[in-house]
């Protein structure tokens, strides 16, 4: 019985990785503006890396009162086997960048 549970967990995590790769492929093959990609998508499936992201999200929740939802989302993210992170190449307006303080990258000390 114990072997069946371990096999189930292994198979479930592999299915999550496959689904994440398919979502990544779907996102990176979408139509592009002028043939130029405007985003990248990254898969994070290491438990320690996911925990680093959660800690950064909790730090963001303390920056502004209205960002409290980051704390809730971090708690849910801890149960994830994989996380997809989408980034945009579009530049924000300088006024937006000045309003929000920089947050150190995950893993930076």
Protein backbone atom coordinates (compact mmCIF):
# COMPACT_ATOMS: atom_id res chain seq x y z
CA UNK A 1 0.00 0.00 0.00
CA UNK A 2 2.79 2.43 0.89
CA UNK A 3 4.40 1.84 -2.50
CA UNK A 4 1.11 2.73 -4.23
CA UNK A 5 0.91 6.04 -2.35
CA UNK A 6 4.50 6.90 -3.25
CA UNK A 7 3.85 5.99 -6.88
CA UNK A 8 0.71 8.14 -6.88
CA UNK A 9 2.67 11.15 -5.55
CA UNK A 10 5.43 10.64 -8.13
CA UNK A 11 2.91 10.34 -10.96
CA UNK A 12 0.93 13.37 -9.75
CA UNK A 13 4.02 15.57 -9.60
CA UNK A 14 5.08 14.44 -13.06
CA UNK A 15 1.61 15.25 -14.39
CA UNK A 16 1.92 18.74 -12.90
CA UNK A 17 5.27 19.23 -14.65
CA UNK A 18 3.82 18.11 -17.97
CA UNK A 19 0.82 20.44 -17.55
CA UNK A 20 3.16 23.33 -16.68
CA UNK A 21 5.23 22.68 -19.82
CA UNK A 22 2.08 22.62 -21.95
CA UNK A 23 0.90 25.93 -20.45
CA UNK A 24 4.35 27.41 -21.07
CA UNK A 25 4.20 26.27 -24.70
CA UNK A 26 0.74 27.74 -25.08
CA UNK A 27 1.84 31.09 -23.67
CA UNK A 28 5.01 31.36 -25.71
CA UNK A 29 3.34 30.49 -29.01
CA UNK A 30 0.60 33.11 -28.76
CA UNK A 31 0.40 35.81 -31.44
CA UNK A 32 3.04 38.47 -31.03
CA UNK A 33 3.03 42.18 -31.68
CA UNK A 34 5.02 42.74 -34.86
CA UNK A 35 6.52 39.28 -34.55
CA UNK A 36 8.27 40.25 -31.30
CA UNK A 37 7.60 38.37 -28.09
CA UNK A 38 6.60 40.59 -25.20
CA UNK A 39 6.83 38.10 -22.38
CA UNK A 40 8.68 35.14 -20.97
CA UNK A 41 7.24 32.33 -18.89
CA UNK A 42 9.22 30.42 -16.29
CA UNK A 43 8.42 27.18 -14.49
CA UNK A 44 9.42 26.92 -10.84
CA UNK A 45 9.01 23.42 -9.44
CA UNK A 46 11.66 23.25 -6.71
CA UNK A 47 10.13 23.37 -3.22
CA UNK A 48 12.87 25.67 -1.90
CA UNK A 49 12.45 28.12 -4.78
CA UNK A 50 8.67 28.16 -4.27
CA UNK A 51 9.24 28.91 -0.58
CA UNK A 52 11.56 31.82 -1.52
CA UNK A 53 8.81 33.23 -3.73
CA UNK A 54 6.29 32.87 -0.90
CA UNK A 55 8.56 34.76 1.49
CA UNK A 56 8.97 37.58 -1.03
CA UNK A 57 5.20 37.73 -1.48
CA UNK A 58 4.75 38.02 2.29
CA UNK A 59 7.31 40.85 2.33
CA UNK A 60 5.30 42.59 -0.40
CA UNK A 61 2.15 42.30 1.73
CA UNK A 62 3.83 44.47 4.36
CA UNK A 63 4.68 47.29 1.93
CA UNK A 64 1.14 48.54 1.31
CA UNK A 65 -2.04 47.83 3.20
CA UNK A 66 -3.93 47.09 -0.02
CA UNK A 67 -1.39 44.39 -0.92
CA UNK A 68 -2.50 42.11 1.93
CA UNK A 69 -3.75 39.59 -0.61
CA UNK A 70 -0.11 38.62 -1.26
CA UNK A 71 0.00 36.98 2.19
CA UNK A 72 -3.10 34.89 1.40
CA UNK A 73 -1.73 33.95 -2.03
CA UNK A 74 1.63 32.94 -0.52
CA UNK A 75 -0.16 30.55 1.83
CA UNK A 76 -1.93 28.92 -1.13
CA UNK A 77 1.24 28.83 -3.21
CA UNK A 78 3.01 26.73 -0.58
CA UNK A 79 0.74 23.82 -1.55
CA UNK A 80 1.70 24.06 -5.24
CA UNK A 81 3.94 21.53 -6.95
CA UNK A 82 4.83 24.02 -9.69
CA UNK A 83 4.47 27.73 -10.31
CA UNK A 84 4.37 29.53 -13.65
CA UNK A 85 5.77 33.05 -13.61
CA UNK A 86 5.04 35.32 -16.54
CA UNK A 87 7.19 38.37 -17.14
CA UNK A 88 6.64 41.25 -19.49
CA UNK A 89 9.21 43.06 -21.62
CA UNK A 90 6.99 46.13 -21.70
CA UNK A 91 8.45 49.02 -19.82
CA UNK A 92 6.46 50.66 -17.05
CA UNK A 93 6.11 54.40 -16.84
CA UNK A 94 8.82 56.05 -14.71
CA UNK A 95 6.14 57.48 -12.43
CA UNK A 96 4.95 53.94 -11.65
CA UNK A 97 8.45 52.72 -10.85
CA UNK A 98 8.98 55.62 -8.44
CA UNK A 99 5.78 54.84 -6.53
CA UNK A 100 6.67 51.24 -5.74
CA UNK A 101 9.87 50.45 -3.84
CA UNK A 102 12.22 47.83 -5.24
CA UNK A 103 11.93 44.40 -3.68
CA UNK A 104 15.08 42.26 -3.53
CA UNK A 105 15.07 39.25 -5.81
CA UNK A 106 14.36 35.86 -4.26
CA UNK A 107 17.55 34.42 -2.85
CA UNK A 108 19.26 37.82 -2.58
CA UNK A 109 20.44 38.54 0.93
